[in-house]
């Protein structure tokens, strides 16, 4: 980063003092805003990047994270994927015993020809 004048990555104006550094650019504190919802992103919170702009965690999970094929909620972390559809483990139940699956049972889950999920021992 240069030692010369600091130019804001959003408004392209000079920053005389109190700046934020993010995405390899300088920003006025009030210009470091989520590119989706427009909310100022605090320098201490987790943010993501989309098209060179910060994206807050809420917008990232709401708009850019795969959603569960059952509950339609964002999936953060591990998931089961079948035919390009993502699932929370707990949103799927065994078609034979009715019990929900657990992440640690991944290797004991079978998918039948009709697409039903079952425990290996059912």
PDB file of N, CA and C in Angstrom:
ATOM      1  N   UNK A   1       0.851  -1.164   0.000  1.00  0.00           N
ATOM      2  CA  UNK A   1       0.000   0.000   0.000  1.00  0.00           C
ATOM      3  C   UNK A   1       0.899   1.229   0.000  1.00  0.00           C
ATOM      4  N   UNK A   2       0.501   2.214  -0.720  1.00  0.00           N
ATOM      5  CA  UNK A   2       1.349   3.391  -0.898  1.00  0.00           C
ATOM      6  C   UNK A   2       1.346   4.274   0.346  1.00  0.00           C
ATOM      7  N   UNK A   3       2.412   5.080   0.467  1.00  0.00           N
ATOM      8  CA  UNK A   3       2.525   6.046   1.566  1.00  0.00           C
ATOM      9  C   UNK A   3       2.019   7.423   1.150  1.00  0.00           C
ATOM     10  N   UNK A   4       1.637   7.579  -0.118  1.00  0.00           N
ATOM     11  CA  UNK A   4       1.159   8.869  -0.613  1.00  0.00           C
ATOM     12  C   UNK A   4      -0.263   9.136  -0.168  1.00  0.00           C
ATOM     13  N   UNK A   5      -0.974  10.006  -0.884  1.00  0.00           N
ATOM     14  CA  UNK A   5      -2.357  10.320  -0.524  1.00  0.00           C
ATOM     15  C   UNK A   5      -3.210   9.047  -0.564  1.00  0.00           C
ATOM     16  N   UNK A   6      -4.124   8.975   0.356  1.00  0.00           N
ATOM     17  CA  UNK A   6      -5.006   7.820   0.416  1.00  0.00           C
ATOM     18  C   UNK A   6      -6.315   8.176  -0.274  1.00  0.00           C
ATOM     19  N   UNK A   7      -6.640   7.417  -1.304  1.00  0.00           N
ATOM     20  CA  UNK A   7      -7.852   7.646  -2.089  1.00  0.00           C
ATOM     21  C   UNK A   7      -8.848   6.538  -1.767  1.00  0.00           C
ATOM     22  N   UNK A   8     -10.073   6.916  -1.488  1.00  0.00           N
ATOM     23  CA  UNK A   8     -11.118   5.974  -1.096  1.00  0.00           C
ATOM     24  C   UNK A   8     -11.468   5.043  -2.252  1.00  0.00           C
ATOM     25  N   UNK A   9     -11.566   3.736  -1.939  1.00  0.00           N
ATOM     26  CA  UNK A   9     -11.921   2.735  -2.934  1.00  0.00           C
ATOM     27  C   UNK A   9     -13.362   2.826  -3.398  1.00  0.00           C
ATOM     28  N   UNK A  10     -14.199   3.587  -2.709  1.00  0.00           N
ATOM     29  CA  UNK A  10     -15.607   3.720  -3.098  1.00  0.00           C
ATOM     30  C   UNK A  10     -15.880   5.035  -3.820  1.00  0.00           C
ATOM     31  N   UNK A  11     -15.509   6.148  -3.178  1.00  0.00           N
ATOM     32  CA  UNK A  11     -15.878   7.460  -3.737  1.00  0.00           C
ATOM     33  C   UNK A  11     -14.737   8.127  -4.506  1.00  0.00           C
ATOM     34  N   UNK A  12     -13.542   7.531  -4.472  1.00  0.00           N
ATOM     35  CA  UNK A  12     -12.358   8.053  -5.167  1.00  0.00           C
ATOM     36  C   UNK A  12     -11.920   9.429  -4.684  1.00  0.00           C
ATOM     37  N   UNK A  13     -12.290   9.786  -3.470  1.00  0.00           N
ATOM     38  CA  UNK A  13     -11.863  11.067  -2.909  1.00  0.00           C
ATOM     39  C   UNK A  13     -10.743  10.848  -1.907  1.00  0.00           C
ATOM     40  N   UNK A  14      -9.983  11.914  -1.644  1.00  0.00           N
ATOM     41  CA  UNK A  14      -8.873  11.861  -0.704  1.00  0.00           C
ATOM     42  C   UNK A  14      -9.394  11.558   0.713  1.00  0.00           C
ATOM     43  N   UNK A  15      -8.608  10.779   1.456  1.00  0.00           N
ATOM     44  CA  UNK A  15      -8.957  10.455   2.842  1.00  0.00           C
ATOM     45  C   UNK A  15      -7.927  11.145   3.730  1.00  0.00           C
ATOM     46  N   UNK A  16      -8.301  12.241   4.392  1.00  0.00           N
ATOM     47  CA  UNK A  16      -7.327  12.959   5.200  1.00  0.00           C
ATOM     48  C   UNK A  16      -6.945  12.225   6.490  1.00  0.00           C
ATOM     49  N   UNK A  17      -7.873  11.503   7.076  1.00  0.00           N
ATOM     50  CA  UNK A  17      -7.599  10.759   8.313  1.00  0.00           C
ATOM     51  C   UNK A  17      -8.686   9.712   8.532  1.00  0.00           C
ATOM     52  N   UNK A  18      -8.466   8.818   9.466  1.00  0.00           N
ATOM     53  CA  UNK A  18      -9.430   7.780   9.855  1.00  0.00           C
ATOM     54  C   UNK A  18      -9.926   6.977   8.659  1.00  0.00           C
ATOM     55  N   UNK A  19      -9.117   6.062   8.229  1.00  0.00           N
ATOM     56  CA  UNK A  19      -9.484   5.220   7.106  1.00  0.00           C
ATOM     57  C   UNK A  19      -9.564   3.764   7.530  1.00  0.00           C
ATOM     58  N   UNK A  20     -10.140   2.973   6.650  1.00  0.00           N
ATOM     59  CA  UNK A  20     -10.221   1.524   6.801  1.00  0.00           C
ATOM     60  C   UNK A  20      -9.444   0.932   5.636  1.00  0.00           C
ATOM     61  N   UNK A  21      -8.721  -0.144   5.895  1.00  0.00           N
ATOM     62  CA  UNK A  21      -8.049  -0.864   4.811  1.00  0.00           C
ATOM     63  C   UNK A  21      -8.770  -2.192   4.652  1.00  0.00           C
ATOM     64  N   UNK A  22      -9.224  -2.451   3.457  1.00  0.00           N
ATOM     65  CA  UNK A  22      -9.906  -3.705   3.144  1.00  0.00           C
ATOM     66  C   UNK A  22      -9.867  -3.957   1.658  1.00  0.00           C
ATOM     67  N   UNK A  23      -9.769  -5.215   1.279  1.00  0.00           N
ATOM     68  CA  UNK A  23      -9.724  -5.589  -0.138  1.00  0.00           C
ATOM     69  C   UNK A  23      -8.588  -4.868  -0.860  1.00  0.00           C
ATOM     70  N   UNK A  24      -7.478  -4.701  -0.158  1.00  0.00           N
ATOM     71  CA  UNK A  24      -6.272  -4.051  -0.695  1.00  0.00           C
ATOM     72  C   UNK A  24      -6.512  -2.608  -1.133  1.00  0.00           C
ATOM     73  N   UNK A  25      -7.449  -1.925  -0.479  1.00  0.00           N
ATOM     74  CA  UNK A  25      -7.734  -0.517  -0.776  1.00  0.00           C
ATOM     75  C   UNK A  25      -7.936   0.236   0.527  1.00  0.00           C
ATOM     76  N   UNK A  26      -7.828   1.558   0.434  1.00  0.00           N
ATOM     77  CA  UNK A  26      -8.198   2.438   1.541  1.00  0.00           C
ATOM     78  C   UNK A  26      -9.644   2.864   1.336  1.00  0.00           C
ATOM     79  N   UNK A  27     -10.365   3.085   2.442  1.00  0.00           N
ATOM     80  CA  UNK A  27     -11.767   3.484   2.378  1.00  0.00           C
ATOM     81  C   UNK A  27     -12.047   4.502   3.484  1.00  0.00           C
ATOM     82  N   UNK A  28     -12.902   5.485   3.220  1.00  0.00           N
ATOM     83  CA  UNK A  28     -13.472   6.253   4.318  1.00  0.00           C
ATOM     84  C   UNK A  28     -14.251   5.254   5.160  1.00  0.00           C
ATOM     85  N   UNK A  29     -14.300   5.465   6.455  1.00  0.00           N
ATOM     86  CA  UNK A  29     -15.039   4.530   7.311  1.00  0.00           C
ATOM     87  C   UNK A  29     -16.499   4.403   6.881  1.00  0.00           C
ATOM     88  N   UNK A  30     -17.112   5.510   6.498  1.00  0.00           N
ATOM     89  CA  UNK A  30     -18.519   5.479   6.083  1.00  0.00           C
ATOM     90  C   UNK A  30     -18.718   4.982   4.655  1.00  0.00           C
ATOM     91  N   UNK A  31     -17.642   4.804   3.904  1.00  0.00           N
ATOM     92  CA  UNK A  31     -17.750   4.298   2.532  1.00  0.00           C
ATOM     93  C   UNK A  31     -17.538   2.789   2.445  1.00  0.00           C
ATOM     94  N   UNK A  32     -17.050   2.176   3.535  1.00  0.00           N
ATOM     95  CA  UNK A  32     -16.814   0.733   3.525  1.00  0.00           C
ATOM     96  C   UNK A  32     -18.149   0.045   3.821  1.00  0.00           C
ATOM     97  N   UNK A  33     -18.982  -0.027   2.770  1.00  0.00           N
ATOM     98  CA  UNK A  33     -20.359  -0.497   2.894  1.00  0.00           C
ATOM     99  C   UNK A  33     -20.565  -1.802   2.144  1.00  0.00           C
ATOM    100  N   UNK A  34     -21.506  -2.589   2.633  1.00  0.00           N
ATOM    101  CA  UNK A  34     -21.882  -3.818   1.961  1.00  0.00           C
ATOM    102  C   UNK A  34     -22.393  -3.482   0.561  1.00  0.00           C
ATOM    103  N   UNK A  35     -21.859  -4.166  -0.436  1.00  0.00           N
ATOM    104  CA  UNK A  35     -22.275  -3.933  -1.811  1.00  0.00           C
ATOM    105  C   UNK A  35     -23.672  -4.432  -2.114  1.00  0.00           C
ATOM    106  N   UNK A  36     -24.301  -5.140  -1.181  1.00  0.00           N
ATOM    107  CA  UNK A  36     -25.654  -5.655  -1.387  1.00  0.00           C
ATOM    108  C   UNK A  36     -26.679  -4.810  -0.640  1.00  0.00           C
ATOM    109  N   UNK A  37     -26.518  -4.668   0.687  1.00  0.00           N
ATOM    110  CA  UNK A  37     -27.535  -3.955   1.483  1.00  0.00           C
ATOM    111  C   UNK A  37     -27.166  -2.503   1.773  1.00  0.00           C
ATOM    112  N   UNK A  38     -25.912  -2.119   1.560  1.00  0.00           N
ATOM    113  CA  UNK A  38     -25.493  -0.737   1.772  1.00  0.00           C
ATOM    114  C   UNK A  38     -25.121  -0.389   3.203  1.00  0.00           C
ATOM    115  N   UNK A  39     -25.233  -1.335   4.128  1.00  0.00           N
ATOM    116  CA  UNK A  39     -24.889  -1.089   5.524  1.00  0.00           C
ATOM    117  C   UNK A  39     -23.381  -0.946   5.671  1.00  0.00           C
ATOM    118  N   UNK A  40     -22.945   0.002   6.518  1.00  0.00           N
ATOM    119  CA  UNK A  40     -21.514   0.166   6.788  1.00  0.00           C
ATOM    120  C   UNK A  40     -21.016  -1.111   7.455  1.00  0.00           C
ATOM    121  N   UNK A  41     -19.936  -1.651   6.917  1.00  0.00           N
ATOM    122  CA  UNK A  41     -19.334  -2.864   7.469  1.00  0.00           C
ATOM    123  C   UNK A  41     -18.271  -2.447   8.470  1.00  0.00           C
ATOM    124  N   UNK A  42     -18.431  -2.862   9.701  1.00  0.00           N
ATOM    125  CA  UNK A  42     -17.472  -2.544  10.750  1.00  0.00           C
ATOM    126  C   UNK A  42     -16.155  -3.240  10.442  1.00  0.00           C
ATOM    127  N   UNK A  43     -15.064  -2.556  10.721  1.00  0.00           N
ATOM    128  CA  UNK A  43     -13.740  -3.094  10.414  1.00  0.00           C
ATOM    129  C   UNK A  43     -13.445  -4.385  11.159  1.00  0.00           C
ATOM    130  N   UNK A  44     -14.150  -4.657  12.247  1.00  0.00           N
ATOM    131  CA  UNK A  44     -13.878  -5.850  13.049  1.00  0.00           C
ATOM    132  C   UNK A  44     -14.774  -7.032  12.695  1.00  0.00           C
ATOM    133  N   UNK A  45     -15.770  -6.826  11.843  1.00  0.00           N
ATOM    134  CA  UNK A  45     -16.672  -7.932  11.534  1.00  0.00           C
ATOM    135  C   UNK A  45     -16.213  -8.700  10.297  1.00  0.00           C
ATOM    136  N   UNK A  46     -16.659  -9.921  10.189  1.00  0.00           N
ATOM    137  CA  UNK A  46     -16.338 -10.740   9.028  1.00  0.00           C
ATOM    138  C   UNK A  46     -17.046 -10.174   7.811  1.00  0.00           C
ATOM    139  N   UNK A  47     -16.315 -10.076   6.713  1.00  0.00           N
ATOM    140  CA  UNK A  47     -16.943  -9.648   5.464  1.00  0.00           C
ATOM    141  C   UNK A  47     -16.359 -10.481   4.334  1.00  0.00           C
ATOM    142  N   UNK A  48     -17.008 -10.410   3.208  1.00  0.00           N
ATOM    143  CA  UNK A  48     -16.616 -11.161   2.017  1.00  0.00           C
ATOM    144  C   UNK A  48     -16.443 -10.166   0.888  1.00  0.00           C
ATOM    145  N   UNK A  49     -16.042 -10.639  -0.263  1.00  0.00           N
ATOM    146  CA  UNK A  49     -15.829  -9.762  -1.412  1.00  0.00           C
ATOM    147  C   UNK A  49     -16.682 -10.243  -2.575  1.00  0.00           C
ATOM    148  N   UNK A  50     -17.316  -9.324  -3.244  1.00  0.00           N
ATOM    149  CA  UNK A  50     -18.067  -9.614  -4.467  1.00  0.00           C
ATOM    150  C   UNK A  50     -17.891  -8.432  -5.393  1.00  0.00           C
ATOM    151  N   UNK A  51     -17.303  -8.668  -6.554  1.00  0.00           N
ATOM    152  CA  UNK A  51     -17.084  -7.619  -7.558  1.00  0.00           C
ATOM    153  C   UNK A  51     -16.297  -6.436  -7.003  1.00  0.00           C
ATOM    154  N   UNK A  52     -15.301  -6.723  -6.150  1.00  0.00           N
ATOM    155  CA  UNK A  52     -14.429  -5.680  -5.612  1.00  0.00           C
ATOM    156  C   UNK A  52     -15.016  -4.877  -4.468  1.00  0.00           C
ATOM    157  N   UNK A  53     -16.196  -5.259  -3.984  1.00  0.00           N
ATOM    158  CA  UNK A  53     -16.846  -4.537  -2.891  1.00  0.00           C
ATOM    159  C   UNK A  53     -17.034  -5.477  -1.701  1.00  0.00           C
ATOM    160  N   UNK A  54     -17.044  -4.915  -0.496  1.00  0.00           N
ATOM    161  CA  UNK A  54     -17.306  -5.766   0.667  1.00  0.00           C
ATOM    162  C   UNK A  54     -18.762  -6.225   0.681  1.00  0.00           C
ATOM    163  N   UNK A  55     -18.974  -7.408   1.226  1.00  0.00           N
ATOM    164  CA  UNK A  55     -20.323  -7.942   1.426  1.00  0.00           C
ATOM    165  C   UNK A  55     -20.383  -8.428   2.862  1.00  0.00           C
ATOM    166  N   UNK A  56     -21.389  -7.977   3.617  1.00  0.00           N
ATOM    167  CA  UNK A  56     -21.504  -8.371   5.022  1.00  0.00           C
ATOM    168  C   UNK A  56     -21.882  -9.847   5.138  1.00  0.00           C
ATOM    169  N   UNK A  57     -21.661 -10.413   6.308  1.00  0.00           N
ATOM    170  CA  UNK A  57     -21.919 -11.837   6.531  1.00  0.00           C
ATOM    171  C   UNK A  57     -23.386 -12.182   6.279  1.00  0.00           C
ATOM    172  N   UNK A  58     -24.296 -11.332   6.746  1.00  0.00           N
ATOM    173  CA  UNK A  58     -25.729 -11.595   6.561  1.00  0.00           C
ATOM    174  C   UNK A  58     -26.100 -11.692   5.085  1.00  0.00           C
ATOM    175  N   UNK A  59     -25.623 -10.752   4.290  1.00  0.00           N
ATOM    176  CA  UNK A  59     -25.937 -10.768   2.858  1.00  0.00           C
ATOM    177  C   UNK A  59     -25.249 -11.934   2.154  1.00  0.00           C
ATOM    178  N   UNK A  60     -24.038 -12.269   2.582  1.00  0.00           N
ATOM    179  CA  UNK A  60     -23.327 -13.392   1.983  1.00  0.00           C
ATOM    180  C   UNK A  60     -24.126 -14.673   2.174  1.00  0.00           C
ATOM    181  N   UNK A  61     -24.576 -14.932   3.399  1.00  0.00           N
ATOM    182  CA  UNK A  61     -25.302 -16.174   3.651  1.00  0.00           C
ATOM    183  C   UNK A  61     -26.695 -16.147   3.027  1.00  0.00           C
ATOM    184  N   UNK A  62     -27.293 -14.983   2.957  1.00  0.00           N
ATOM    185  CA  UNK A  62     -28.645 -14.871   2.398  1.00  0.00           C
ATOM    186  C   UNK A  62     -28.642 -14.991   0.872  1.00  0.00           C
ATOM    187  N   UNK A  63     -27.617 -14.440   0.220  1.00  0.00           N
ATOM    188  CA  UNK A  63     -27.648 -14.321  -1.233  1.00  0.00           C
ATOM    189  C   UNK A  63     -26.673 -15.204  -2.000  1.00  0.00           C
ATOM    190  N   UNK A  64     -25.577 -15.618  -1.373  1.00  0.00           N
ATOM    191  CA  UNK A  64     -24.536 -16.266  -2.153  1.00  0.00           C
ATOM    192  C   UNK A  64     -24.132 -17.650  -1.647  1.00  0.00           C
ATOM    193  N   UNK A  65     -24.840 -18.169  -0.657  1.00  0.00           N
ATOM    194  CA  UNK A  65     -24.523 -19.476  -0.107  1.00  0.00           C
ATOM    195  C   UNK A  65     -25.613 -20.448  -0.550  1.00  0.00           C
ATOM    196  N   UNK A  66     -25.219 -21.696  -0.824  1.00  0.00           N
ATOM    197  CA  UNK A  66     -26.194 -22.706  -1.224  1.00  0.00           C
ATOM    198  C   UNK A  66     -27.276 -22.855  -0.162  1.00  0.00           C
ATOM    199  N   UNK A  67     -28.494 -23.082  -0.603  1.00  0.00           N
ATOM    200  CA  UNK A  67     -29.624 -23.258   0.301  1.00  0.00           C
ATOM    201  C   UNK A  67     -30.009 -24.743   0.334  1.00  0.00           C
ATOM    202  N   UNK A  68     -30.532 -25.159   1.469  1.00  0.00           N
ATOM    203  CA  UNK A  68     -30.956 -26.540   1.661  1.00  0.00           C
ATOM    204  C   UNK A  68     -32.164 -26.840   0.775  1.00  0.00           C
ATOM    205  N   UNK A  69     -32.140 -28.013   0.117  1.00  0.00           N
ATOM    206  CA  UNK A  69     -33.242 -28.430  -0.744  1.00  0.00           C
ATOM    207  C   UNK A  69     -34.525 -28.747   0.007  1.00  0.00           C
ATOM    208  N   UNK A  70     -34.467 -28.851   1.336  1.00  0.00           N
ATOM    209  CA  UNK A  70     -35.664 -29.135   2.136  1.00  0.00           C
ATOM    210  C   UNK A  70     -36.190 -27.856   2.783  1.00  0.00           C
ATOM    211  N   UNK A  71     -35.346 -27.185   3.590  1.00  0.00           N
ATOM    212  CA  UNK A  71     -35.830 -26.033   4.373  1.00  0.00           C
ATOM    213  C   UNK A  71     -35.560 -24.683   3.702  1.00  0.00           C
ATOM    214  N   UNK A  72     -34.746 -24.668   2.652  1.00  0.00           N
ATOM    215  CA  UNK A  72     -34.391 -23.458   1.905  1.00  0.00           C
ATOM    216  C   UNK A  72     -33.556 -22.459   2.696  1.00  0.00           C
ATOM    217  N   UNK A  73     -33.033 -22.864   3.854  1.00  0.00           N
ATOM    218  CA  UNK A  73     -32.159 -22.001   4.647  1.00  0.00           C
ATOM    219  C   UNK A  73     -30.718 -22.164   4.155  1.00  0.00           C
ATOM    220  N   UNK A  74     -29.883 -21.126   4.301  1.00  0.00           N
ATOM    221  CA  UNK A  74     -28.481 -21.232   3.881  1.00  0.00           C
ATOM    222  C   UNK A  74     -27.764 -22.350   4.630  1.00  0.00           C
ATOM    223  N   UNK A  75     -26.820 -22.975   3.945  1.00  0.00           N
ATOM    224  CA  UNK A  75     -26.018 -24.030   4.556  1.00  0.00           C
ATOM    225  C   UNK A  75     -24.616 -23.497   4.771  1.00  0.00           C
ATOM    226  N   UNK A  76     -24.232 -23.397   6.021  1.00  0.00           N
ATOM    227  CA  UNK A  76     -22.877 -23.000   6.392  1.00  0.00           C
ATOM    228  C   UNK A  76     -22.203 -24.256   6.920  1.00  0.00           C
ATOM    229  N   UNK A  77     -21.074 -24.600   6.388  1.00  0.00           N
ATOM    230  CA  UNK A  77     -20.372 -25.793   6.854  1.00  0.00           C
ATOM    231  C   UNK A  77     -20.712 -27.016   6.026  1.00  0.00           C
ATOM    232  N   UNK A  78     -20.629 -28.178   6.658  1.00  0.00           N
ATOM    233  CA  UNK A  78     -20.808 -29.447   5.949  1.00  0.00           C
ATOM    234  C   UNK A  78     -22.249 -29.650   5.525  1.00  0.00           C
ATOM    235  N   UNK A  79     -22.385 -30.366   4.435  1.00  0.00           N
ATOM    236  CA  UNK A  79     -23.697 -30.633   3.874  1.00  0.00           C
ATOM    237  C   UNK A  79     -23.653 -31.925   3.088  1.00  0.00           C
ATOM    238  N   UNK A  80     -24.819 -32.451   2.781  1.00  0.00           N
ATOM    239  CA  UNK A  80     -24.923 -33.605   1.901  1.00  0.00           C
ATOM    240  C   UNK A  80     -25.377 -33.067   0.543  1.00  0.00           C
ATOM    241  N   UNK A  81     -24.770 -33.569  -0.519  1.00  0.00           N
ATOM    242  CA  UNK A  81     -25.113 -33.117  -1.868  1.00  0.00           C
ATOM    243  C   UNK A  81     -25.504 -34.340  -2.689  1.00  0.00           C
ATOM    244  N   UNK A  82     -26.647 -34.262  -3.342  1.00  0.00           N
ATOM    245  CA  UNK A  82     -27.101 -35.328  -4.229  1.00  0.00           C
ATOM    246  C   UNK A  82     -27.755 -34.685  -5.433  1.00  0.00           C
ATOM    247  N   UNK A  83     -27.254 -35.032  -6.611  1.00  0.00           N
ATOM    248  CA  UNK A  83     -27.758 -34.476  -7.876  1.00  0.00           C
ATOM    249  C   UNK A  83     -27.809 -32.949  -7.836  1.00  0.00           C
ATOM    250  N   UNK A  84     -26.714 -32.346  -7.391  1.00  0.00           N
ATOM    251  CA  UNK A  84     -26.544 -30.888  -7.320  1.00  0.00           C
ATOM    252  C   UNK A  84     -27.528 -30.191  -6.380  1.00  0.00           C
ATOM    253  N   UNK A  85     -28.176 -30.930  -5.500  1.00  0.00           N
ATOM    254  CA  UNK A  85     -29.040 -30.336  -4.484  1.00  0.00           C
ATOM    255  C   UNK A  85     -28.332 -30.499  -3.145  1.00  0.00           C
ATOM    256  N   UNK A  86     -28.241 -29.419  -2.397  1.00  0.00           N
ATOM    257  CA  UNK A  86     -27.551 -29.402  -1.110  1.00  0.00           C
ATOM    258  C   UNK A  86     -28.571 -29.583   0.008  1.00  0.00           C
ATOM    259  N   UNK A  87     -28.163 -30.306   1.067  1.00  0.00           N
ATOM    260  CA  UNK A  87     -29.051 -30.574   2.188  1.00  0.00           C
ATOM    261  C   UNK A  87     -28.311 -30.419   3.511  1.00  0.00           C
ATOM    262  N   UNK A  88     -29.009 -29.894   4.526  1.00  0.00           N
ATOM    263  CA  UNK A  88     -28.535 -30.043   5.900  1.00  0.00           C
ATOM    264  C   UNK A  88     -28.740 -31.521   6.240  1.00  0.00           C
ATOM    265  N   UNK A  89     -27.813 -32.116   6.946  1.00  0.00           N
ATOM    266  CA  UNK A  89     -27.992 -33.516   7.341  1.00  0.00           C
ATOM    267  C   UNK A  89     -29.287 -33.692   8.138  1.00  0.00           C
ATOM    268  N   UNK A  90     -29.568 -32.770   9.039  1.00  0.00           N
ATOM    269  CA  UNK A  90     -30.725 -32.919   9.919  1.00  0.00           C
ATOM    270  C   UNK A  90     -32.061 -32.648   9.227  1.00  0.00           C
ATOM    271  N   UNK A  91     -32.027 -32.170   7.992  1.00  0.00           N
ATOM    272  CA  UNK A  91     -33.275 -31.945   7.261  1.00  0.00           C
ATOM    273  C   UNK A  91     -33.735 -33.197   6.518  1.00  0.00           C
ATOM    274  N   UNK A  92     -32.885 -34.208   6.465  1.00  0.00           N
ATOM    275  CA  UNK A  92     -33.248 -35.453   5.796  1.00  0.00           C
ATOM    276  C   UNK A  92     -33.484 -36.545   6.826  1.00  0.00           C
ATOM    277  N   UNK A  93     -34.543 -37.314   6.639  1.00  0.00           N
ATOM    278  CA  UNK A  93     -34.844 -38.444   7.506  1.00  0.00           C
ATOM    279  C   UNK A  93     -34.729 -39.730   6.697  1.00  0.00           C
ATOM    280  N   UNK A  94     -34.320 -40.781   7.372  1.00  0.00           N
ATOM    281  CA  UNK A  94     -34.258 -42.103   6.764  1.00  0.00           C
ATOM    282  C   UNK A  94     -35.673 -42.513   6.355  1.00  0.00           C
ATOM    283  N   UNK A  95     -35.836 -42.954   5.121  1.00  0.00           N
ATOM    284  CA  UNK A  95     -37.162 -43.352   4.634  1.00  0.00           C
ATOM    285  C   UNK A  95     -37.640 -44.652   5.270  1.00  0.00           C
ATOM    286  N   UNK A  96     -36.735 -45.413   5.881  1.00  0.00           N
ATOM    287  CA  UNK A  96     -37.145 -46.676   6.508  1.00  0.00           C
ATOM    288  C   UNK A  96     -37.467 -46.506   7.989  1.00  0.00           C
ATOM    289  N   UNK A  97     -36.583 -45.868   8.761  1.00  0.00           N
ATOM    290  CA  UNK A  97     -36.810 -45.755  10.209  1.00  0.00           C
ATOM    291  C   UNK A  97     -37.327 -44.387  10.633  1.00  0.00           C
ATOM    292  N   UNK A  98     -37.249 -43.392   9.760  1.00  0.00           N
ATOM    293  CA  UNK A  98     -37.769 -42.061  10.062  1.00  0.00           C
ATOM    294  C   UNK A  98     -36.842 -41.168  10.874  1.00  0.00           C
ATOM    295  N   UNK A  99     -35.696 -41.686  11.296  1.00  0.00           N
ATOM    296  CA  UNK A  99     -34.755 -40.907  12.101  1.00  0.00           C
ATOM    297  C   UNK A  99     -33.957 -39.943  11.222  1.00  0.00           C
ATOM    298  N   UNK A 100     -33.663 -38.747  11.741  1.00  0.00           N
ATOM    299  CA  UNK A 100     -32.835 -37.813  10.966  1.00  0.00           C
ATOM    300  C   UNK A 100     -31.398 -38.328  10.875  1.00  0.00           C
ATOM    301  N   UNK A 101     -30.711 -37.900   9.848  1.00  0.00           N
ATOM    302  CA  UNK A 101     -29.307 -38.262   9.670  1.00  0.00           C
ATOM    303  C   UNK A 101     -28.439 -37.331  10.486  1.00  0.00           C
ATOM    304  N   UNK A 102     -27.254 -37.793  10.813  1.00  0.00           N
ATOM    305  CA  UNK A 102     -26.256 -36.990  11.511  1.00  0.00           C
ATOM    306  C   UNK A 102     -25.019 -36.923  10.632  1.00  0.00           C
ATOM    307  N   UNK A 103     -24.318 -35.808  10.737  1.00  0.00           N
ATOM    308  CA  UNK A 103     -23.123 -35.596   9.915  1.00  0.00           C
ATOM    309  C   UNK A 103     -22.120 -36.732  10.074  1.00  0.00           C
ATOM    310  N   UNK A 104     -21.939 -37.216  11.303  1.00  0.00           N
ATOM    311  CA  UNK A 104     -20.950 -38.272  11.533  1.00  0.00           C
ATOM    312  C   UNK A 104     -21.392 -39.619  10.961  1.00  0.00           C
ATOM    313  N   UNK A 105     -22.631 -39.725  10.467  1.00  0.00           N
ATOM    314  CA  UNK A 105     -23.123 -40.952   9.845  1.00  0.00           C
ATOM    315  C   UNK A 105     -22.962 -40.938   8.329  1.00  0.00           C
ATOM    316  N   UNK A 106     -22.270 -39.967   7.801  1.00  0.00           N
ATOM    317  CA  UNK A 106     -22.194 -39.783   6.349  1.00  0.00           C
ATOM    318  C   UNK A 106     -21.871 -41.082   5.602  1.00  0.00           C
ATOM    319  N   UNK A 107     -20.919 -41.843   6.114  1.00  0.00           N
ATOM    320  CA  UNK A 107     -20.514 -43.069   5.425  1.00  0.00           C
ATOM    321  C   UNK A 107     -21.525 -44.200   5.581  1.00  0.00           C
ATOM    322  N   UNK A 108     -22.533 -44.010   6.431  1.00  0.00           N
ATOM    323  CA  UNK A 108     -23.554 -45.041   6.619  1.00  0.00           C
ATOM    324  C   UNK A 108     -24.898 -44.653   5.983  1.00  0.00           C
ATOM    325  N   UNK A 109     -24.879 -43.706   5.060  1.00  0.00           N
ATOM    326  CA  UNK A 109     -26.107 -43.289   4.378  1.00  0.00           C
ATOM    327  C   UNK A 109     -26.091 -43.869   2.971  1.00  0.00           C
ATOM    328  N   UNK A 110     -27.184 -44.544   2.613  1.00  0.00           N
ATOM    329  CA  UNK A 110     -27.327 -45.085   1.262  1.00  0.00           C
ATOM    330  C   UNK A 110     -28.401 -44.289   0.533  1.00  0.00           C
ATOM    331  N   UNK A 111     -28.248 -44.182  -0.759  1.00  0.00           N
ATOM    332  CA  UNK A 111     -29.270 -43.556  -1.597  1.00  0.00           C
ATOM    333  C   UNK A 111     -29.814 -44.643  -2.508  1.00  0.00           C
ATOM    334  N   UNK A 112     -31.102 -44.910  -2.388  1.00  0.00           N
ATOM    335  CA  UNK A 112     -31.736 -45.947  -3.190  1.00  0.00           C
ATOM    336  C   UNK A 112     -31.964 -45.464  -4.617  1.00  0.00           C
ATOM    337  N   UNK A 113     -32.275 -46.398  -5.510  1.00  0.00           N
ATOM    338  CA  UNK A 113     -32.489 -46.048  -6.923  1.00  0.00           C
ATOM    339  C   UNK A 113     -33.570 -44.990  -7.108  1.00  0.00           C
ATOM    340  N   UNK A 114     -34.561 -44.966  -6.226  1.00  0.00           N
ATOM    341  CA  UNK A 114     -35.650 -43.987  -6.348  1.00  0.00           C
ATOM    342  C   UNK A 114     -35.292 -42.629  -5.741  1.00  0.00           C
ATOM    343  N   UNK A 115     -34.045 -42.504  -5.200  1.00  0.00           N
ATOM    344  CA  UNK A 115     -33.589 -41.241  -4.626  1.00  0.00           C
ATOM    345  C   UNK A 115     -33.827 -41.109  -3.140  1.00  0.00           C
ATOM    346  N   UNK A 116     -34.435 -42.123  -2.505  1.00  0.00           N
ATOM    347  CA  UNK A 116     -34.649 -42.085  -1.059  1.00  0.00           C
ATOM    348  C   UNK A 116     -33.330 -42.285  -0.327  1.00  0.00           C
ATOM    349  N   UNK A 117     -33.185 -41.590   0.800  1.00  0.00           N
ATOM    350  CA  UNK A 117     -32.013 -41.734   1.659  1.00  0.00           C
ATOM    351  C   UNK A 117     -32.374 -42.687   2.801  1.00  0.00           C
ATOM    352  N   UNK A 118     -31.487 -43.650   3.076  1.00  0.00           N
ATOM    353  CA  UNK A 118     -31.718 -44.588   4.178  1.00  0.00           C
ATOM    354  C   UNK A 118     -30.408 -44.829   4.922  1.00  0.00           C
ATOM    355  N   UNK A 119     -30.547 -45.191   6.205  1.00  0.00           N
ATOM    356  CA  UNK A 119     -29.381 -45.623   6.956  1.00  0.00           C
ATOM    357  C   UNK A 119     -28.908 -46.949   6.375  1.00  0.00           C
ATOM    358  N   UNK A 120     -27.633 -47.157   6.340  1.00  0.00           N
ATOM    359  CA  UNK A 120     -27.043 -48.375   5.798  1.00  0.00           C
ATOM    360  C   UNK A 120     -27.547 -49.628   6.519  1.00  0.00           C
ATOM    361  N   UNK A 121     -27.866 -49.500   7.802  1.00  0.00           N
ATOM    362  CA  UNK A 121     -28.269 -50.665   8.588  1.00  0.00           C
ATOM    363  C   UNK A 121     -29.791 -50.821   8.711  1.00  0.00           C
ATOM    364  N   UNK A 122     -30.550 -50.029   7.978  1.00  0.00           N
ATOM    365  CA  UNK A 122     -32.022 -50.152   8.036  1.00  0.00           C
ATOM    366  C   UNK A 122     -32.522 -51.149   7.004  1.00  0.00           C
TER     367      UNK A 122
END
